[in-house]
Amino acid sequence: MDENIVKRNELLAQKVIKGLESRNMTGYYAANKEEALKKALEIIPEGSSIAMGGAMSAHEIGLVDAVKTGNYRFIDRDKAEDKRACMLESYDADFFLASANAMTDDGIIVNIDGNSNRVSMIAQGPKKVLFIVGMNKVCADIDSAMKRARNVAAPTNAQRFGLSTPCAKLGTCMDCKSPDTICCQFLITRFSRHKDRIHVILVNDNLGF
């Protein structure tokens, strides 16, 4: 990555971290994926129960493999026979791994969900939430964050899941009401009433969608 972009991201990350702190959330900056993984494992004590949604960024830094093979109790919904029971168990996890569809440079986190298990657990349930967020997802304000979530993240995820939505075919949000839509619930996290619950690792890399 160009050294000027690296420096820009370092400075921008400090602004985001201050914004998170003002919203009762904790932010960290990682210069690369390896640093992000190290920081995540410092935050999550061994023996913790861990659940997650579809956080590609957590996969990309190696965190999912690390908790699956390490001394943790990973609640694996992909292998669960009873998906609903697994999701209900996830609400009582020690940690929920997540990413953001977008976030503002003053610390507001934006997520869109289809089944809504992910956004509901970010809002309430697991004792702590750990976000892994690439600097490519940081936007100037709520409007641009929502546009990114709807016009970048949602179409890409719809394509990834093989869904038949207008955005999957056209690459941009059409504000559809398709049966396949994944834009069912919008969550804007602007403050955490519970200090030390939400942690955000900002990674100097392009992660997720």
C-alpha atoms as a PDB file:
ATOM      1  CA  MET A   1       0.000   0.000   0.000  1.00  0.00           C
ATOM      2  CA  ASP A   2       1.261   3.481  -0.885  1.00  0.00           C
ATOM      3  CA  GLU A   3       2.923   5.137   2.126  1.00  0.00           C
ATOM      4  CA  ASN A   4       0.778   8.254   1.709  1.00  0.00           C
ATOM      5  CA  ILE A   5      -2.399   6.171   1.939  1.00  0.00           C
ATOM      6  CA  VAL A   6      -0.981   4.394   4.981  1.00  0.00           C
ATOM      7  CA  LYS A   7      -0.340   7.726   6.685  1.00  0.00           C
ATOM      8  CA  ARG A   8      -3.775   9.013   5.723  1.00  0.00           C
ATOM      9  CA  ASN A   9      -5.400   5.882   7.161  1.00  0.00           C
ATOM     10  CA  GLU A  10      -3.426   6.186  10.400  1.00  0.00           C
ATOM     11  CA  LEU A  11      -4.628   9.759  10.878  1.00  0.00           C
ATOM     12  CA  LEU A  12      -8.201   8.949   9.897  1.00  0.00           C
ATOM     13  CA  ALA A  13      -8.249   5.971  12.260  1.00  0.00           C
ATOM     14  CA  GLN A  14      -7.319   8.206  15.184  1.00  0.00           C
ATOM     15  CA  LYS A  15     -10.314  10.408  14.388  1.00  0.00           C
ATOM     16  CA  VAL A  16     -12.592   7.368  14.225  1.00  0.00           C
ATOM     17  CA  ILE A  17     -11.224   6.050  17.533  1.00  0.00           C
ATOM     18  CA  LYS A  18     -11.926   9.372  19.249  1.00  0.00           C
ATOM     19  CA  GLY A  19     -15.434   9.281  17.834  1.00  0.00           C
ATOM     20  CA  LEU A  20     -15.943   5.750  19.146  1.00  0.00           C
ATOM     21  CA  GLU A  21     -14.707   6.784  22.587  1.00  0.00           C
ATOM     22  CA  SER A  22     -17.214   9.651  22.644  1.00  0.00           C
ATOM     23  CA  ARG A  23     -19.914   7.037  21.963  1.00  0.00           C
ATOM     24  CA  ASN A  24     -18.878   4.722  24.823  1.00  0.00           C
ATOM     25  CA  MET A  25     -17.162   2.277  22.463  1.00  0.00           C
ATOM     26  CA  THR A  26     -13.500   1.260  22.265  1.00  0.00           C
ATOM     27  CA  GLY A  27     -11.414   1.518  19.101  1.00  0.00           C
ATOM     28  CA  TYR A  28      -8.005   0.186  18.084  1.00  0.00           C
ATOM     29  CA  TYR A  29      -5.842   0.630  14.997  1.00  0.00           C
ATOM     30  CA  ALA A  30      -3.973  -2.253  13.351  1.00  0.00           C
ATOM     31  CA  ALA A  31      -1.419  -1.565  10.627  1.00  0.00           C
ATOM     32  CA  ASN A  32      -2.120  -4.888   8.913  1.00  0.00           C
ATOM     33  CA  LYS A  33      -4.084  -8.150   9.184  1.00  0.00           C
ATOM     34  CA  GLU A  34      -1.476  -9.767  11.406  1.00  0.00           C
ATOM     35  CA  GLU A  35      -1.656  -6.935  13.942  1.00  0.00           C
ATOM     36  CA  ALA A  36      -5.450  -7.068  13.812  1.00  0.00           C
ATOM     37  CA  LEU A  37      -5.460 -10.795  14.590  1.00  0.00           C
ATOM     38  CA  LYS A  38      -3.027 -10.317  17.479  1.00  0.00           C
ATOM     39  CA  LYS A  39      -5.146  -7.514  18.965  1.00  0.00           C
ATOM     40  CA  ALA A  40      -8.373  -9.521  18.588  1.00  0.00           C
ATOM     41  CA  LEU A  41      -6.885 -12.478  20.458  1.00  0.00           C
ATOM     42  CA  GLU A  42      -5.681 -10.121  23.197  1.00  0.00           C
ATOM     43  CA  ILE A  43      -9.250  -8.849  23.616  1.00  0.00           C
ATOM     44  CA  ILE A  44     -10.896 -12.317  23.675  1.00  0.00           C
ATOM     45  CA  PRO A  45      -9.879 -14.376  26.746  1.00  0.00           C
ATOM     46  CA  GLU A  46      -9.246 -18.069  26.223  1.00  0.00           C
ATOM     47  CA  GLY A  47     -12.226 -20.174  27.177  1.00  0.00           C
ATOM     48  CA  SER A  48     -14.716 -17.601  25.867  1.00  0.00           C
ATOM     49  CA  SER A  49     -17.820 -18.689  24.000  1.00  0.00           C
ATOM     50  CA  ILE A  50     -17.855 -17.049  20.580  1.00  0.00           C
ATOM     51  CA  ALA A  51     -20.599 -16.574  17.983  1.00  0.00           C
ATOM     52  CA  MET A  52     -20.570 -14.677  14.717  1.00  0.00           C
ATOM     53  CA  GLY A  53     -22.635 -13.526  11.773  1.00  0.00           C
ATOM     54  CA  GLY A  54     -21.389 -13.383   8.210  1.00  0.00           C
ATOM     55  CA  ALA A  55     -18.303 -11.284   8.983  1.00  0.00           C
ATOM     56  CA  MET A  56     -15.988 -11.795   6.010  1.00  0.00           C
ATOM     57  CA  SER A  57     -13.444  -9.412   7.559  1.00  0.00           C
ATOM     58  CA  ALA A  58     -13.022 -11.724  10.565  1.00  0.00           C
ATOM     59  CA  HIS A  59     -12.282 -14.565   8.132  1.00  0.00           C
ATOM     60  CA  GLU A  60      -9.832 -12.445   6.144  1.00  0.00           C
ATOM     61  CA  ILE A  61      -7.586 -11.624   9.122  1.00  0.00           C
ATOM     62  CA  GLY A  62      -7.554 -15.279  10.222  1.00  0.00           C
ATOM     63  CA  LEU A  63      -9.642 -14.734  13.344  1.00  0.00           C
ATOM     64  CA  VAL A  64     -12.310 -17.347  12.588  1.00  0.00           C
ATOM     65  CA  ASP A  65      -9.716 -20.086  12.023  1.00  0.00           C
ATOM     66  CA  ALA A  66      -7.899 -19.017  15.196  1.00  0.00           C
ATOM     67  CA  VAL A  67     -10.945 -19.285  17.452  1.00  0.00           C
ATOM     68  CA  LYS A  68     -12.128 -22.519  15.830  1.00  0.00           C
ATOM     69  CA  THR A  69      -8.791 -24.226  16.504  1.00  0.00           C
ATOM     70  CA  GLY A  70      -7.871 -22.446  19.745  1.00  0.00           C
ATOM     71  CA  ASN A  71      -9.000 -22.764  23.354  1.00  0.00           C
ATOM     72  CA  TYR A  72     -12.440 -21.252  22.769  1.00  0.00           C
ATOM     73  CA  ARG A  73     -16.003 -22.528  22.472  1.00  0.00           C
ATOM     74  CA  PHE A  74     -17.026 -21.557  18.957  1.00  0.00           C
ATOM     75  CA  ILE A  75     -20.761 -21.684  18.307  1.00  0.00           C
ATOM     76  CA  ASP A  76     -20.751 -22.846  14.686  1.00  0.00           C
ATOM     77  CA  ARG A  77     -24.118 -22.198  13.059  1.00  0.00           C
ATOM     78  CA  ASP A  78     -22.926 -23.710   9.767  1.00  0.00           C
ATOM     79  CA  LYS A  79     -22.594 -27.125  11.423  1.00  0.00           C
ATOM     80  CA  ALA A  80     -25.641 -26.892  13.668  1.00  0.00           C
ATOM     81  CA  GLU A  81     -28.511 -29.271  12.946  1.00  0.00           C
ATOM     82  CA  ASP A  82     -30.965 -27.003  14.745  1.00  0.00           C
ATOM     83  CA  LYS A  83     -30.211 -23.540  13.346  1.00  0.00           C
ATOM     84  CA  ARG A  84     -32.707 -21.765  15.579  1.00  0.00           C
ATOM     85  CA  ALA A  85     -31.324 -23.350  18.749  1.00  0.00           C
ATOM     86  CA  CYS A  86     -27.836 -22.355  17.640  1.00  0.00           C
ATOM     87  CA  MET A  87     -28.917 -18.746  17.080  1.00  0.00           C
ATOM     88  CA  LEU A  88     -30.607 -18.615  20.480  1.00  0.00           C
ATOM     89  CA  GLU A  89     -27.446 -19.982  22.087  1.00  0.00           C
ATOM     90  CA  SER A  90     -25.468 -17.278  20.294  1.00  0.00           C
ATOM     91  CA  TYR A  91     -27.407 -14.541  22.101  1.00  0.00           C
ATOM     92  CA  ASP A  92     -25.759 -15.628  25.345  1.00  0.00           C
ATOM     93  CA  ALA A  93     -22.203 -15.828  23.947  1.00  0.00           C
ATOM     94  CA  ASP A  94     -19.298 -14.059  25.615  1.00  0.00           C
ATOM     95  CA  PHE A  95     -18.279 -12.516  22.273  1.00  0.00           C
ATOM     96  CA  PHE A  96     -20.000 -11.844  18.971  1.00  0.00           C
ATOM     97  CA  LEU A  97     -17.703 -11.326  15.969  1.00  0.00           C
ATOM     98  CA  ALA A  98     -18.966  -8.808  13.449  1.00  0.00           C
ATOM     99  CA  SER A  99     -17.978  -6.338  10.803  1.00  0.00           C
ATOM    100  CA  ALA A 100     -19.616  -3.195   9.486  1.00  0.00           C
ATOM    101  CA  ASN A 101     -21.192  -2.494   6.134  1.00  0.00           C
ATOM    102  CA  ALA A 102     -19.964   1.059   6.668  1.00  0.00           C
ATOM    103  CA  MET A 103     -19.066   3.489   9.431  1.00  0.00           C
ATOM    104  CA  THR A 104     -18.612   7.219   9.753  1.00  0.00           C
ATOM    105  CA  ASP A 105     -15.372   8.949  10.583  1.00  0.00           C
ATOM    106  CA  ASP A 106     -16.869  10.032  13.912  1.00  0.00           C
ATOM    107  CA  GLY A 107     -17.644   6.483  15.030  1.00  0.00           C
ATOM    108  CA  ILE A 108     -21.197   5.616  13.945  1.00  0.00           C
ATOM    109  CA  ILE A 109     -21.550   2.021  12.702  1.00  0.00           C
ATOM    110  CA  VAL A 110     -24.017   1.061   9.944  1.00  0.00           C
ATOM    111  CA  ASN A 111     -25.239  -2.463   9.202  1.00  0.00           C
ATOM    112  CA  ILE A 112     -27.943  -3.974   6.986  1.00  0.00           C
ATOM    113  CA  ASP A 113     -29.274  -7.492   7.497  1.00  0.00           C
ATOM    114  CA  GLY A 114     -31.664  -9.950   5.903  1.00  0.00           C
ATOM    115  CA  ASN A 115     -32.442 -12.548   8.588  1.00  0.00           C
ATOM    116  CA  SER A 116     -31.572  -9.924  11.215  1.00  0.00           C
ATOM    117  CA  ASN A 117     -29.782 -12.288  13.608  1.00  0.00           C
ATOM    118  CA  ARG A 118     -26.587 -10.307  13.049  1.00  0.00           C
ATOM    119  CA  VAL A 119     -27.976  -6.836  13.718  1.00  0.00           C
ATOM    120  CA  SER A 120     -30.068  -8.056  16.638  1.00  0.00           C
ATOM    121  CA  MET A 121     -26.993  -9.529  18.345  1.00  0.00           C
ATOM    122  CA  ILE A 122     -24.996  -6.373  17.727  1.00  0.00           C
ATOM    123  CA  ALA A 123     -27.776  -4.422  19.423  1.00  0.00           C
ATOM    124  CA  GLN A 124     -28.356  -6.776  22.348  1.00  0.00           C
ATOM    125  CA  GLY A 125     -27.501 -10.224  23.644  1.00  0.00           C
ATOM    126  CA  PRO A 126     -23.854 -11.314  23.602  1.00  0.00           C
ATOM    127  CA  LYS A 127     -21.792  -9.850  26.426  1.00  0.00           C
ATOM    128  CA  LYS A 128     -19.308  -8.201  24.062  1.00  0.00           C
ATOM    129  CA  VAL A 129     -19.210  -7.396  20.345  1.00  0.00           C
ATOM    130  CA  LEU A 130     -15.924  -7.272  18.442  1.00  0.00           C
ATOM    131  CA  PHE A 131     -15.978  -5.531  15.056  1.00  0.00           C
ATOM    132  CA  ILE A 132     -13.224  -6.059  12.482  1.00  0.00           C
ATOM    133  CA  VAL A 133     -13.413  -3.123  10.049  1.00  0.00           C
ATOM    134  CA  GLY A 134     -11.186  -2.332   7.075  1.00  0.00           C
ATOM    135  CA  MET A 135     -10.412   1.337   6.520  1.00  0.00           C
ATOM    136  CA  ASN A 136     -12.149   1.035   3.135  1.00  0.00           C
ATOM    137  CA  LYS A 137     -15.471   1.140   4.996  1.00  0.00           C
ATOM    138  CA  VAL A 138     -14.955   4.515   6.683  1.00  0.00           C
ATOM    139  CA  CYS A 139     -17.204   7.237   5.230  1.00  0.00           C
ATOM    140  CA  ALA A 140     -17.602  10.955   5.835  1.00  0.00           C
ATOM    141  CA  ASP A 141     -21.122  10.911   7.294  1.00  0.00           C
ATOM    142  CA  ILE A 142     -24.306   8.887   7.805  1.00  0.00           C
ATOM    143  CA  ASP A 143     -25.616   9.600   4.297  1.00  0.00           C
ATOM    144  CA  SER A 144     -22.463   8.328   2.608  1.00  0.00           C
ATOM    145  CA  ALA A 145     -22.278   5.369   4.992  1.00  0.00           C
ATOM    146  CA  MET A 146     -25.847   4.376   4.142  1.00  0.00           C
ATOM    147  CA  LYS A 147     -25.117   4.758   0.435  1.00  0.00           C
ATOM    148  CA  ARG A 148     -22.076   2.527   0.793  1.00  0.00           C
ATOM    149  CA  ALA A 149     -24.036  -0.090   2.723  1.00  0.00           C
ATOM    150  CA  ARG A 150     -26.852  -0.147   0.170  1.00  0.00           C
ATOM    151  CA  ASN A 151     -24.859   0.284  -3.056  1.00  0.00           C
ATOM    152  CA  VAL A 152     -21.620  -1.573  -2.322  1.00  0.00           C
ATOM    153  CA  ALA A 153     -22.107  -4.045   0.527  1.00  0.00           C
ATOM    154  CA  ALA A 154     -25.660  -5.189  -0.220  1.00  0.00           C
ATOM    155  CA  PRO A 155     -25.249  -5.859  -3.977  1.00  0.00           C
ATOM    156  CA  THR A 156     -21.952  -7.673  -3.400  1.00  0.00           C
ATOM    157  CA  ASN A 157     -23.433  -9.859  -0.674  1.00  0.00           C
ATOM    158  CA  ALA A 158     -26.536 -10.561  -2.781  1.00  0.00           C
ATOM    159  CA  GLN A 159     -24.245 -11.726  -5.586  1.00  0.00           C
ATOM    160  CA  ARG A 160     -22.178 -13.787  -3.134  1.00  0.00           C
ATOM    161  CA  PHE A 161     -25.289 -15.581  -1.881  1.00  0.00           C
ATOM    162  CA  GLY A 162     -26.644 -16.106  -5.414  1.00  0.00           C
ATOM    163  CA  LEU A 163     -29.816 -14.136  -4.705  1.00  0.00           C
ATOM    164  CA  SER A 164     -32.263 -12.950  -7.339  1.00  0.00           C
ATOM    165  CA  THR A 165     -32.455  -9.259  -6.458  1.00  0.00           C
ATOM    166  CA  PRO A 166     -32.263  -6.232  -8.750  1.00  0.00           C
ATOM    167  CA  CYS A 167     -29.029  -5.130  -7.064  1.00  0.00           C
ATOM    168  CA  ALA A 168     -27.405  -8.503  -7.745  1.00  0.00           C
ATOM    169  CA  LYS A 169     -28.152  -8.038 -11.447  1.00  0.00           C
ATOM    170  CA  LEU A 170     -27.488  -4.287 -11.758  1.00  0.00           C
ATOM    171  CA  GLY A 171     -24.830  -3.727  -9.078  1.00  0.00           C
ATOM    172  CA  THR A 172     -26.665  -0.910  -7.328  1.00  0.00           C
ATOM    173  CA  CYS A 173     -29.569  -0.557  -4.903  1.00  0.00           C
ATOM    174  CA  MET A 174     -33.025  -0.351  -6.493  1.00  0.00           C
ATOM    175  CA  ASP A 175     -34.866  -0.040  -3.154  1.00  0.00           C
ATOM    176  CA  CYS A 176     -36.554  -3.344  -3.950  1.00  0.00           C
ATOM    177  CA  LYS A 177     -39.074  -5.414  -2.052  1.00  0.00           C
ATOM    178  CA  SER A 178     -37.909  -8.653  -3.612  1.00  0.00           C
ATOM    179  CA  PRO A 179     -38.537 -11.861  -1.604  1.00  0.00           C
ATOM    180  CA  ASP A 180     -34.752 -12.310  -1.719  1.00  0.00           C
ATOM    181  CA  THR A 181     -33.897  -8.850  -0.404  1.00  0.00           C
ATOM    182  CA  ILE A 182     -31.222  -8.726   2.293  1.00  0.00           C
ATOM    183  CA  CYS A 183     -32.077  -5.112   3.137  1.00  0.00           C
ATOM    184  CA  CYS A 184     -34.701  -6.004   5.747  1.00  0.00           C
ATOM    185  CA  GLN A 185     -33.295  -4.384   8.877  1.00  0.00           C
ATOM    186  CA  PHE A 186     -31.036  -1.329   9.146  1.00  0.00           C
ATOM    187  CA  LEU A 187     -29.032  -0.839  12.342  1.00  0.00           C
ATOM    188  CA  ILE A 188     -27.266   2.436  13.143  1.00  0.00           C
ATOM    189  CA  THR A 189     -25.085   2.081  16.226  1.00  0.00           C
ATOM    190  CA  ARG A 190     -24.432   5.628  17.449  1.00  0.00           C
ATOM    191  CA  PHE A 191     -23.850   4.965  21.161  1.00  0.00           C
ATOM    192  CA  SER A 192     -23.344   2.035  23.509  1.00  0.00           C
ATOM    193  CA  ARG A 193     -25.115   2.356  26.827  1.00  0.00           C
ATOM    194  CA  HIS A 194     -22.895  -0.423  28.190  1.00  0.00           C
ATOM    195  CA  LYS A 195     -19.253   0.665  28.365  1.00  0.00           C
ATOM    196  CA  ASP A 196     -16.676  -1.926  27.288  1.00  0.00           C
ATOM    197  CA  ARG A 197     -19.273  -3.956  25.352  1.00  0.00           C
ATOM    198  CA  ILE A 198     -18.420  -2.818  21.815  1.00  0.00           C
ATOM    199  CA  HIS A 199     -14.843  -2.994  20.530  1.00  0.00           C
ATOM    200  CA  VAL A 200     -13.755  -1.997  17.006  1.00  0.00           C
ATOM    201  CA  ILE A 201     -10.441  -2.944  15.403  1.00  0.00           C
ATOM    202  CA  LEU A 202      -9.735  -0.691  12.416  1.00  0.00           C
ATOM    203  CA  VAL A 203      -7.435  -2.430   9.947  1.00  0.00           C
ATOM    204  CA  ASN A 204      -5.250  -0.635   7.419  1.00  0.00           C
ATOM    205  CA  ASP A 205      -6.450  -2.864   4.598  1.00  0.00           C
ATOM    206  CA  ASN A 206      -9.400  -3.347   2.254  1.00  0.00           C
ATOM    207  CA  LEU A 207     -11.508  -5.937   4.045  1.00  0.00           C
ATOM    208  CA  GLY A 208     -14.959  -7.353   3.357  1.00  0.00           C
ATOM    209  CA  PHE A 209     -17.507  -5.718   1.097  1.00  0.00           C
END
